[in-house]
């Protein structure tokens, strides 16, 4: 566990080691959600993990995102 303080505008810094493990890059999106009083951060993806396409609607499967076409091929 890592403890960070909020700055004056409510920001926190994600430690470099954690950013490297998640391959979070400068300028890329981070998904933030709250469940039961806890906040979760995860790498945001806007492309299919198989074909890297962005044109079809994406769905989350475990920790990955698949487009409708790739999901249909796997099903």
PDB file of N, CA and C in Angstrom:
ATOM      1  N   UNK A   1       0.844  -1.173   0.000  1.00  0.00           N
ATOM      2  CA  UNK A   1       0.000   0.000   0.000  1.00  0.00           C
ATOM      3  C   UNK A   1       0.892   1.240   0.000  1.00  0.00           C
ATOM      4  N   UNK A   2       0.474   2.229  -0.772  1.00  0.00           N
ATOM      5  CA  UNK A   2       1.193   3.496  -0.858  1.00  0.00           C
ATOM      6  C   UNK A   2       0.240   4.592  -0.414  1.00  0.00           C
ATOM      7  N   UNK A   3       0.718   5.489   0.429  1.00  0.00           N
ATOM      8  CA  UNK A   3      -0.095   6.612   0.903  1.00  0.00           C
ATOM      9  C   UNK A   3       0.353   7.874   0.174  1.00  0.00           C
ATOM     10  N   UNK A   4      -0.604   8.592  -0.391  1.00  0.00           N
ATOM     11  CA  UNK A   4      -0.329   9.861  -1.059  1.00  0.00           C
ATOM     12  C   UNK A   4      -1.291  10.906  -0.515  1.00  0.00           C
ATOM     13  N   UNK A   5      -0.839  12.145  -0.452  1.00  0.00           N
ATOM     14  CA  UNK A   5      -1.705  13.249  -0.028  1.00  0.00           C
ATOM     15  C   UNK A   5      -2.276  13.943  -1.248  1.00  0.00           C
ATOM     16  N   UNK A   6      -3.508  14.429  -1.108  1.00  0.00           N
ATOM     17  CA  UNK A   6      -4.126  15.217  -2.161  1.00  0.00           C
ATOM     18  C   UNK A   6      -3.490  16.595  -2.201  1.00  0.00           C
ATOM     19  N   UNK A   7      -3.320  17.140  -3.404  1.00  0.00           N
ATOM     20  CA  UNK A   7      -2.808  18.515  -3.487  1.00  0.00           C
ATOM     21  C   UNK A   7      -3.982  19.480  -3.351  1.00  0.00           C
ATOM     22  N   UNK A   8      -3.731  20.759  -3.552  1.00  0.00           N
ATOM     23  CA  UNK A   8      -4.754  21.793  -3.333  1.00  0.00           C
ATOM     24  C   UNK A   8      -5.982  21.656  -4.221  1.00  0.00           C
ATOM     25  N   UNK A   9      -5.838  21.021  -5.367  1.00  0.00           N
ATOM     26  CA  UNK A   9      -6.989  20.863  -6.267  1.00  0.00           C
ATOM     27  C   UNK A   9      -7.483  19.415  -6.322  1.00  0.00           C
ATOM     28  N   UNK A  10      -7.078  18.586  -5.371  1.00  0.00           N
ATOM     29  CA  UNK A  10      -7.597  17.227  -5.250  1.00  0.00           C
ATOM     30  C   UNK A  10      -6.891  16.168  -6.059  1.00  0.00           C
ATOM     31  N   UNK A  11      -5.698  16.456  -6.552  1.00  0.00           N
ATOM     32  CA  UNK A  11      -4.959  15.475  -7.357  1.00  0.00           C
ATOM     33  C   UNK A  11      -4.046  14.623  -6.490  1.00  0.00           C
ATOM     34  N   UNK A  12      -3.792  13.416  -6.988  1.00  0.00           N
ATOM     35  CA  UNK A  12      -2.782  12.550  -6.374  1.00  0.00           C
ATOM     36  C   UNK A  12      -1.830  12.100  -7.476  1.00  0.00           C
ATOM     37  N   UNK A  13      -0.651  11.693  -7.100  1.00  0.00           N
ATOM     38  CA  UNK A  13       0.330  11.172  -8.058  1.00  0.00           C
ATOM     39  C   UNK A  13       0.352   9.658  -7.933  1.00  0.00           C
ATOM     40  N   UNK A  14       0.207   8.967  -9.069  1.00  0.00           N
ATOM     41  CA  UNK A  14       0.335   7.515  -9.083  1.00  0.00           C
ATOM     42  C   UNK A  14       1.826   7.212  -9.143  1.00  0.00           C
ATOM     43  N   UNK A  15       2.337   6.428  -8.191  1.00  0.00           N
ATOM     44  CA  UNK A  15       3.781   6.154  -8.169  1.00  0.00           C
ATOM     45  C   UNK A  15       4.288   5.579  -9.490  1.00  0.00           C
ATOM     46  N   UNK A  16       5.509   5.962  -9.849  1.00  0.00           N
ATOM     47  CA  UNK A  16       6.121   5.554 -11.106  1.00  0.00           C
ATOM     48  C   UNK A  16       6.112   4.038 -11.282  1.00  0.00           C
ATOM     49  N   UNK A  17       6.420   3.314 -10.212  1.00  0.00           N
ATOM     50  CA  UNK A  17       6.475   1.853 -10.298  1.00  0.00           C
ATOM     51  C   UNK A  17       5.113   1.279 -10.702  1.00  0.00           C
ATOM     52  N   UNK A  18       4.028   1.841 -10.160  1.00  0.00           N
ATOM     53  CA  UNK A  18       2.685   1.371 -10.502  1.00  0.00           C
ATOM     54  C   UNK A  18       2.334   1.743 -11.937  1.00  0.00           C
ATOM     55  N   UNK A  19       2.710   2.948 -12.369  1.00  0.00           N
ATOM     56  CA  UNK A  19       2.455   3.359 -13.753  1.00  0.00           C
ATOM     57  C   UNK A  19       3.172   2.446 -14.729  1.00  0.00           C
ATOM     58  N   UNK A  20       4.392   2.038 -14.376  1.00  0.00           N
ATOM     59  CA  UNK A  20       5.159   1.147 -15.252  1.00  0.00           C
ATOM     60  C   UNK A  20       4.527  -0.235 -15.342  1.00  0.00           C
ATOM     61  N   UNK A  21       4.068  -0.768 -14.214  1.00  0.00           N
ATOM     62  CA  UNK A  21       3.427  -2.088 -14.217  1.00  0.00           C
ATOM     63  C   UNK A  21       2.166  -2.065 -15.079  1.00  0.00           C
ATOM     64  N   UNK A  22       1.386  -0.993 -14.997  1.00  0.00           N
ATOM     65  CA  UNK A  22       0.150  -0.865 -15.764  1.00  0.00           C
ATOM     66  C   UNK A  22       0.379  -0.314 -17.171  1.00  0.00           C
ATOM     67  N   UNK A  23       1.620  -0.003 -17.493  1.00  0.00           N
ATOM     68  CA  UNK A  23       2.002   0.651 -18.760  1.00  0.00           C
ATOM     69  C   UNK A  23       1.148   1.886 -19.031  1.00  0.00           C
ATOM     70  N   UNK A  24       0.985   2.703 -17.990  1.00  0.00           N
ATOM     71  CA  UNK A  24       0.287   3.977 -18.141  1.00  0.00           C
ATOM     72  C   UNK A  24       1.267   4.991 -18.696  1.00  0.00           C
ATOM     73  N   UNK A  25       0.900   5.620 -19.788  1.00  0.00           N
ATOM     74  CA  UNK A  25       1.769   6.597 -20.433  1.00  0.00           C
ATOM     75  C   UNK A  25       1.209   8.001 -20.274  1.00  0.00           C
ATOM     76  N   UNK A  26       2.090   8.967 -20.301  1.00  0.00           N
ATOM     77  CA  UNK A  26       1.695  10.372 -20.195  1.00  0.00           C
ATOM     78  C   UNK A  26       0.645  10.696 -21.254  1.00  0.00           C
ATOM     79  N   UNK A  27      -0.438  11.303 -20.839  1.00  0.00           N
ATOM     80  CA  UNK A  27      -1.482  11.719 -21.761  1.00  0.00           C
ATOM     81  C   UNK A  27      -2.534  10.658 -22.068  1.00  0.00           C
ATOM     82  N   UNK A  28      -2.341   9.439 -21.584  1.00  0.00           N
ATOM     83  CA  UNK A  28      -3.313   8.368 -21.836  1.00  0.00           C
ATOM     84  C   UNK A  28      -4.374   8.361 -20.743  1.00  0.00           C
ATOM     85  N   UNK A  29      -5.513   7.766 -21.034  1.00  0.00           N
ATOM     86  CA  UNK A  29      -6.635   7.771 -20.106  1.00  0.00           C
ATOM     87  C   UNK A  29      -6.513   6.756 -18.985  1.00  0.00           C
ATOM     88  N   UNK A  30      -7.097   7.113 -17.860  1.00  0.00           N
ATOM     89  CA  UNK A  30      -7.199   6.222 -16.705  1.00  0.00           C
ATOM     90  C   UNK A  30      -8.678   6.163 -16.333  1.00  0.00           C
ATOM     91  N   UNK A  31      -9.215   4.957 -16.226  1.00  0.00           N
ATOM     92  CA  UNK A  31     -10.616   4.793 -15.831  1.00  0.00           C
ATOM     93  C   UNK A  31     -10.702   4.812 -14.310  1.00  0.00           C
ATOM     94  N   UNK A  32     -11.654   5.566 -13.794  1.00  0.00           N
ATOM     95  CA  UNK A  32     -11.843   5.698 -12.349  1.00  0.00           C
ATOM     96  C   UNK A  32     -13.268   5.282 -12.027  1.00  0.00           C
ATOM     97  N   UNK A  33     -13.418   4.352 -11.082  1.00  0.00           N
ATOM     98  CA  UNK A  33     -14.769   3.980 -10.663  1.00  0.00           C
ATOM     99  C   UNK A  33     -14.798   3.811  -9.155  1.00  0.00           C
ATOM    100  N   UNK A  34     -15.997   3.914  -8.612  1.00  0.00           N
ATOM    101  CA  UNK A  34     -16.173   3.794  -7.178  1.00  0.00           C
ATOM    102  C   UNK A  34     -17.172   2.688  -6.888  1.00  0.00           C
ATOM    103  N   UNK A  35     -16.821   1.813  -5.959  1.00  0.00           N
ATOM    104  CA  UNK A  35     -17.706   0.735  -5.535  1.00  0.00           C
ATOM    105  C   UNK A  35     -17.602   0.582  -4.031  1.00  0.00           C
ATOM    106  N   UNK A  36     -18.727   0.672  -3.362  1.00  0.00           N
ATOM    107  CA  UNK A  36     -18.756   0.443  -1.926  1.00  0.00           C
ATOM    108  C   UNK A  36     -17.782   1.303  -1.131  1.00  0.00           C
ATOM    109  N   UNK A  37     -17.646   2.552  -1.486  1.00  0.00           N
ATOM    110  CA  UNK A  37     -16.766   3.454  -0.752  1.00  0.00           C
ATOM    111  C   UNK A  37     -15.289   3.326  -1.113  1.00  0.00           C
ATOM    112  N   UNK A  38     -14.971   2.521  -2.123  1.00  0.00           N
ATOM    113  CA  UNK A  38     -13.587   2.370  -2.587  1.00  0.00           C
ATOM    114  C   UNK A  38     -13.458   2.934  -3.990  1.00  0.00           C
ATOM    115  N   UNK A  39     -12.287   3.485  -4.285  1.00  0.00           N
ATOM    116  CA  UNK A  39     -12.010   4.043  -5.607  1.00  0.00           C
ATOM    117  C   UNK A  39     -11.038   3.114  -6.313  1.00  0.00           C
ATOM    118  N   UNK A  40     -11.354   2.778  -7.568  1.00  0.00           N
ATOM    119  CA  UNK A  40     -10.512   1.895  -8.370  1.00  0.00           C
ATOM    120  C   UNK A  40      -9.998   2.647  -9.589  1.00  0.00           C
ATOM    121  N   UNK A  41      -8.722   2.480  -9.878  1.00  0.00           N
ATOM    122  CA  UNK A  41      -8.107   3.058 -11.071  1.00  0.00           C
ATOM    123  C   UNK A  41      -7.643   1.918 -11.954  1.00  0.00           C
ATOM    124  N   UNK A  42      -7.826   2.070 -13.262  1.00  0.00           N
ATOM    125  CA  UNK A  42      -7.298   1.080 -14.189  1.00  0.00           C
ATOM    126  C   UNK A  42      -6.986   1.750 -15.516  1.00  0.00           C
ATOM    127  N   UNK A  43      -6.120   1.117 -16.259  1.00  0.00           N
ATOM    128  CA  UNK A  43      -5.750   1.634 -17.562  1.00  0.00           C
ATOM    129  C   UNK A  43      -6.983   1.638 -18.454  1.00  0.00           C
ATOM    130  N   UNK A  44      -7.227   2.753 -19.115  1.00  0.00           N
ATOM    131  CA  UNK A  44      -8.374   2.868 -20.008  1.00  0.00           C
ATOM    132  C   UNK A  44      -7.942   2.508 -21.418  1.00  0.00           C
ATOM    133  N   UNK A  45      -8.762   1.739 -22.079  1.00  0.00           N
ATOM    134  CA  UNK A  45      -8.477   1.378 -23.457  1.00  0.00           C
ATOM    135  C   UNK A  45      -9.652   1.769 -24.324  1.00  0.00           C
ATOM    136  N   UNK A  46      -9.362   2.290 -25.477  1.00  0.00           N
ATOM    137  CA  UNK A  46     -10.423   2.626 -26.413  1.00  0.00           C
ATOM    138  C   UNK A  46     -10.256   1.832 -27.698  1.00  0.00           C
ATOM    139  N   UNK A  47      -9.567   0.674 -27.604  1.00  0.00           N
ATOM    140  CA  UNK A  47      -9.360  -0.176 -28.770  1.00  0.00           C
ATOM    141  C   UNK A  47      -9.490  -1.638 -28.376  1.00  0.00           C
ATOM    142  N   UNK A  48      -9.861  -2.447 -29.333  1.00  0.00           N
ATOM    143  CA  UNK A  48      -9.986  -3.894 -29.135  1.00  0.00           C
ATOM    144  C   UNK A  48      -8.603  -4.490 -28.888  1.00  0.00           C
ATOM    145  N   UNK A  49      -8.494  -5.395 -27.918  1.00  0.00           N
ATOM    146  CA  UNK A  49      -7.190  -5.981 -27.591  1.00  0.00           C
ATOM    147  C   UNK A  49      -6.746  -7.020 -28.620  1.00  0.00           C
ATOM    148  N   UNK A  50      -7.641  -7.448 -29.513  1.00  0.00           N
ATOM    149  CA  UNK A  50      -7.278  -8.430 -30.535  1.00  0.00           C
ATOM    150  C   UNK A  50      -6.905  -7.737 -31.843  1.00  0.00           C
ATOM    151  N   UNK A  51      -7.826  -6.941 -32.377  1.00  0.00           N
ATOM    152  CA  UNK A  51      -7.588  -6.322 -33.690  1.00  0.00           C
ATOM    153  C   UNK A  51      -7.158  -4.857 -33.591  1.00  0.00           C
ATOM    154  N   UNK A  52      -7.195  -4.306 -32.385  1.00  0.00           N
ATOM    155  CA  UNK A  52      -6.858  -2.906 -32.123  1.00  0.00           C
ATOM    156  C   UNK A  52      -7.793  -1.931 -32.822  1.00  0.00           C
ATOM    157  N   UNK A  53      -8.930  -2.428 -33.275  1.00  0.00           N
ATOM    158  CA  UNK A  53      -9.914  -1.576 -33.931  1.00  0.00           C
ATOM    159  C   UNK A  53     -10.678  -0.731 -32.932  1.00  0.00           C
ATOM    160  N   UNK A  54     -11.172   0.393 -33.403  1.00  0.00           N
ATOM    161  CA  UNK A  54     -11.944   1.295 -32.552  1.00  0.00           C
ATOM    162  C   UNK A  54     -13.316   1.589 -33.139  1.00  0.00           C
ATOM    163  N   UNK A  55     -13.632   1.014 -34.310  1.00  0.00           N
ATOM    164  CA  UNK A  55     -14.873   1.346 -34.997  1.00  0.00           C
ATOM    165  C   UNK A  55     -16.086   0.634 -34.423  1.00  0.00           C
ATOM    166  N   UNK A  56     -15.922  -0.581 -33.921  1.00  0.00           N
ATOM    167  CA  UNK A  56     -17.042  -1.343 -33.385  1.00  0.00           C
ATOM    168  C   UNK A  56     -17.187  -1.076 -31.892  1.00  0.00           C
ATOM    169  N   UNK A  57     -18.385  -1.279 -31.396  1.00  0.00           N
ATOM    170  CA  UNK A  57     -18.635  -1.096 -29.968  1.00  0.00           C
ATOM    171  C   UNK A  57     -17.765  -2.062 -29.164  1.00  0.00           C
ATOM    172  N   UNK A  58     -17.112  -1.538 -28.138  1.00  0.00           N
ATOM    173  CA  UNK A  58     -16.241  -2.358 -27.296  1.00  0.00           C
ATOM    174  C   UNK A  58     -16.995  -2.873 -26.092  1.00  0.00           C
ATOM    175  N   UNK A  59     -16.673  -4.091 -25.686  1.00  0.00           N
ATOM    176  CA  UNK A  59     -17.229  -4.653 -24.460  1.00  0.00           C
ATOM    177  C   UNK A  59     -16.075  -5.152 -23.608  1.00  0.00           C
ATOM    178  N   UNK A  60     -16.276  -5.080 -22.317  1.00  0.00           N
ATOM    179  CA  UNK A  60     -15.236  -5.500 -21.383  1.00  0.00           C
ATOM    180  C   UNK A  60     -15.391  -6.993 -21.109  1.00  0.00           C
ATOM    181  N   UNK A  61     -14.295  -7.733 -21.266  1.00  0.00           N
ATOM    182  CA  UNK A  61     -14.257  -9.156 -20.958  1.00  0.00           C
ATOM    183  C   UNK A  61     -13.076  -9.346 -20.016  1.00  0.00           C
ATOM    184  N   UNK A  62     -13.380  -9.630 -18.754  1.00  0.00           N
ATOM    185  CA  UNK A  62     -12.369  -9.668 -17.692  1.00  0.00           C
ATOM    186  C   UNK A  62     -11.636  -8.336 -17.665  1.00  0.00           C
ATOM    187  N   UNK A  63     -10.347  -8.301 -17.970  1.00  0.00           N
ATOM    188  CA  UNK A  63      -9.589  -7.046 -17.928  1.00  0.00           C
ATOM    189  C   UNK A  63      -9.289  -6.496 -19.315  1.00  0.00           C
ATOM    190  N   UNK A  64      -9.911  -7.065 -20.340  1.00  0.00           N
ATOM    191  CA  UNK A  64      -9.631  -6.644 -21.706  1.00  0.00           C
ATOM    192  C   UNK A  64     -10.896  -6.089 -22.360  1.00  0.00           C
ATOM    193  N   UNK A  65     -10.707  -5.405 -23.475  1.00  0.00           N
ATOM    194  CA  UNK A  65     -11.811  -4.894 -24.261  1.00  0.00           C
ATOM    195  C   UNK A  65     -11.797  -5.586 -25.616  1.00  0.00           C
ATOM    196  N   UNK A  66     -12.963  -6.066 -26.022  1.00  0.00           N
ATOM    197  CA  UNK A  66     -13.116  -6.715 -27.321  1.00  0.00           C
ATOM    198  C   UNK A  66     -14.198  -6.003 -28.111  1.00  0.00           C
ATOM    199  N   UNK A  67     -13.994  -5.912 -29.445  1.00  0.00           N
ATOM    200  CA  UNK A  67     -15.050  -5.357 -30.293  1.00  0.00           C
ATOM    201  C   UNK A  67     -16.058  -6.469 -30.582  1.00  0.00           C
ATOM    202  N   UNK A  68     -17.224  -6.102 -31.086  1.00  0.00           N
ATOM    203  CA  UNK A  68     -18.263  -7.080 -31.390  1.00  0.00           C
ATOM    204  C   UNK A  68     -17.786  -8.143 -32.361  1.00  0.00           C
ATOM    205  N   UNK A  69     -17.012  -7.746 -33.372  1.00  0.00           N
ATOM    206  CA  UNK A  69     -16.530  -8.713 -34.363  1.00  0.00           C
ATOM    207  C   UNK A  69     -15.630  -9.765 -33.730  1.00  0.00           C
ATOM    208  N   UNK A  70     -14.661  -9.358 -32.966  1.00  0.00           N
ATOM    209  CA  UNK A  70     -13.731 -10.304 -32.339  1.00  0.00           C
ATOM    210  C   UNK A  70     -14.424 -11.158 -31.289  1.00  0.00           C
ATOM    211  N   UNK A  71     -15.340 -10.556 -30.548  1.00  0.00           N
ATOM    212  CA  UNK A  71     -16.090 -11.322 -29.552  1.00  0.00           C
ATOM    213  C   UNK A  71     -16.901 -12.424 -30.227  1.00  0.00           C
ATOM    214  N   UNK A  72     -17.529 -12.091 -31.354  1.00  0.00           N
ATOM    215  CA  UNK A  72     -18.313 -13.069 -32.107  1.00  0.00           C
ATOM    216  C   UNK A  72     -17.455 -14.219 -32.613  1.00  0.00           C
ATOM    217  N   UNK A  73     -16.239 -13.915 -33.041  1.00  0.00           N
ATOM    218  CA  UNK A  73     -15.331 -14.959 -33.531  1.00  0.00           C
ATOM    219  C   UNK A  73     -14.868 -15.884 -32.412  1.00  0.00           C
ATOM    220  N   UNK A  74     -14.727 -15.330 -31.197  1.00  0.00           N
ATOM    221  CA  UNK A  74     -14.263 -16.139 -30.068  1.00  0.00           C
ATOM    222  C   UNK A  74     -15.390 -16.965 -29.455  1.00  0.00           C
ATOM    223  N   UNK A  75     -16.624 -16.507 -29.613  1.00  0.00           N
ATOM    224  CA  UNK A  75     -17.767 -17.180 -28.966  1.00  0.00           C
ATOM    225  C   UNK A  75     -18.138 -18.477 -29.618  1.00  0.00           C
TER     226      UNK A  75
END
